[in-house]
C-alpha atoms as a PDB file:
ATOM      1  CA  MET A   1      20.589 -13.783  45.213  1.00  0.00           C
ATOM      2  CA  LEU A   2      23.703 -15.445  43.829  1.00  0.00           C
ATOM      3  CA  THR A   3      27.043 -13.926  44.700  1.00  0.00           C
ATOM      4  CA  PRO A   4      29.647 -13.514  41.964  1.00  0.00           C
ATOM      5  CA  THR A   5      31.551 -16.325  43.652  1.00  0.00           C
ATOM      6  CA  ALA A   6      28.489 -18.588  43.538  1.00  0.00           C
ATOM      7  CA  ARG A   7      28.065 -17.888  39.827  1.00  0.00           C
ATOM      8  CA  TYR A   8      31.726 -18.721  39.216  1.00  0.00           C
ATOM      9  CA  VAL A   9      31.552 -21.961  41.234  1.00  0.00           C
ATOM     10  CA  ILE A  10      28.326 -23.100  39.544  1.00  0.00           C
ATOM     11  CA  ALA A  11      29.773 -22.439  36.081  1.00  0.00           C
ATOM     12  CA  LEU A  12      33.035 -24.222  36.937  1.00  0.00           C
ATOM     13  CA  ALA A  13      31.237 -27.272  38.325  1.00  0.00           C
ATOM     14  CA  ARG A  14      28.947 -27.440  35.276  1.00  0.00           C
ATOM     15  CA  ARG A  15      31.852 -27.119  32.864  1.00  0.00           C
ATOM     16  CA  LEU A  16      33.729 -29.904  34.651  1.00  0.00           C
ATOM     17  CA  GLY A  17      30.653 -32.098  35.161  1.00  0.00           C
ATOM     18  CA  ILE A  18      30.996 -32.114  38.938  1.00  0.00           C
ATOM     19  CA  SER A  19      28.161 -32.216  41.436  1.00  0.00           C
ATOM     20  CA  TYR A  20      27.989 -32.608  45.185  1.00  0.00           C
ATOM     21  CA  THR A  21      26.916 -35.906  46.686  1.00  0.00           C
ATOM     22  CA  PRO A  22      27.152 -36.078  50.475  1.00  0.00           C
ATOM     23  CA  THR A  23      29.310 -38.899  51.789  1.00  0.00           C
ATOM     24  CA  TYR A  24      28.665 -40.919  54.914  1.00  0.00           C
ATOM     25  CA  SER A  25      31.370 -38.821  56.595  1.00  0.00           C
ATOM     26  CA  ASP A  26      29.524 -35.611  55.648  1.00  0.00           C
ATOM     27  CA  GLN A  27      26.297 -36.914  57.139  1.00  0.00           C
ATOM     28  CA  TRP A  28      28.090 -38.114  60.270  1.00  0.00           C
ATOM     29  CA  ALA A  29      29.838 -34.760  60.752  1.00  0.00           C
ATOM     30  CA  SER A  30      26.550 -32.870  60.363  1.00  0.00           C
ATOM     31  CA  ALA A  31      24.839 -35.117  62.902  1.00  0.00           C
ATOM     32  CA  ILE A  32      27.671 -34.750  65.421  1.00  0.00           C
ATOM     33  CA  THR A  33      27.707 -30.973  64.951  1.00  0.00           C
ATOM     34  CA  ARG A  34      23.943 -30.762  65.553  1.00  0.00           C
ATOM     35  CA  LEU A  35      24.193 -33.014  68.621  1.00  0.00           C
ATOM     36  CA  ALA A  36      26.884 -30.695  69.976  1.00  0.00           C
ATOM     37  CA  GLY A  37      24.359 -27.866  69.723  1.00  0.00           C
ATOM     38  CA  ASP A  38      26.092 -26.090  66.870  1.00  0.00           C
ATOM     39  CA  GLU A  39      24.296 -24.869  63.792  1.00  0.00           C
ATOM     40  CA  VAL A  40      25.127 -26.525  60.480  1.00  0.00           C
ATOM     41  CA  SER A  41      24.793 -23.926  57.778  1.00  0.00           C
ATOM     42  CA  THR A  42      26.203 -24.714  54.388  1.00  0.00           C
ATOM     43  CA  ASP A  43      24.668 -23.780  51.084  1.00  0.00           C
ATOM     44  CA  SER A  44      24.860 -25.246  47.609  1.00  0.00           C
ATOM     45  CA  THR A  45      27.928 -23.144  46.789  1.00  0.00           C
ATOM     46  CA  ASP A  46      29.774 -24.524  49.817  1.00  0.00           C
ATOM     47  CA  ASP A  47      28.793 -28.038  48.754  1.00  0.00           C
ATOM     48  CA  LEU A  48      30.031 -27.505  45.195  1.00  0.00           C
ATOM     49  CA  LEU A  49      33.312 -26.138  46.517  1.00  0.00           C
ATOM     50  CA  VAL A  50      33.759 -29.319  48.555  1.00  0.00           C
ATOM     51  CA  ALA A  51      32.978 -31.437  45.488  1.00  0.00           C
ATOM     52  CA  LEU A  52      35.424 -29.494  43.314  1.00  0.00           C
ATOM     53  CA  THR A  53      38.141 -29.881  45.928  1.00  0.00           C
ATOM     54  CA  ARG A  54      37.485 -33.605  46.369  1.00  0.00           C
ATOM     55  CA  ALA A  55      37.744 -33.991  42.589  1.00  0.00           C
ATOM     56  CA  GLY A  56      41.131 -32.271  42.642  1.00  0.00           C
ATOM     57  CA  LYS A  57      39.930 -29.285  40.624  1.00  0.00           C
ATOM     58  CA  LEU A  58      40.615 -26.815  43.452  1.00  0.00           C
ATOM     59  CA  THR A  59      43.319 -26.848  46.072  1.00  0.00           C
ATOM     60  CA  PRO A  60      42.242 -26.604  49.713  1.00  0.00           C
ATOM     61  CA  HIS A  61      43.719 -23.089  49.742  1.00  0.00           C
ATOM     62  CA  GLU A  62      41.660 -22.063  46.688  1.00  0.00           C
ATOM     63  CA  MET A  63      38.538 -23.563  48.239  1.00  0.00           C
ATOM     64  CA  THR A  64      39.063 -21.682  51.504  1.00  0.00           C
ATOM     65  CA  LYS A  65      39.589 -18.412  49.670  1.00  0.00           C
ATOM     66  CA  LEU A  66      36.389 -18.898  47.641  1.00  0.00           C
ATOM     67  CA  VAL A  67      34.332 -19.926  50.702  1.00  0.00           C
ATOM     68  CA  ILE A  68      35.430 -16.798  52.579  1.00  0.00           C
ATOM     69  CA  GLU A  69      34.733 -14.577  49.581  1.00  0.00           C
ATOM     70  CA  HIS A  70      31.292 -16.150  49.075  1.00  0.00           C
ATOM     71  CA  HIS A  71      30.262 -15.757  52.715  1.00  0.00           C
ATOM     72  CA  ARG A  72      31.492 -12.163  52.905  1.00  0.00           C
ATOM     73  CA  LYS A  73      29.362 -11.265  49.884  1.00  0.00           C
ATOM     74  CA  THR A  74      26.392 -13.227  51.253  1.00  0.00           C
ATOM     75  CA  LYS A  75      26.513 -11.361  54.577  1.00  0.00           C
ATOM     76  CA  ALA A  76      26.848  -8.022  52.792  1.00  0.00           C
ATOM     77  CA  HIS A  77      23.465  -8.622  51.107  1.00  0.00           C
ATOM     78  CA  VAL A  78      21.575  -9.672  54.237  1.00  0.00           C
END
């Protein structure tokens, strides 16, 4: 199920022609996190939020607000 935030982020990314492509740093951070024994759990909405922020379409503050909102709604439906 898509949260309202996920729908908004998907539509924004489509409209702006932005997609998420993991960087070497993303892959390195995921590997280090796993090696530390922590769980890496992002979803496509999180990835699009990162891409939108990297492209300068969202501020870090806006991204954080949307990530929190998305995860709150996701947990409410579990």
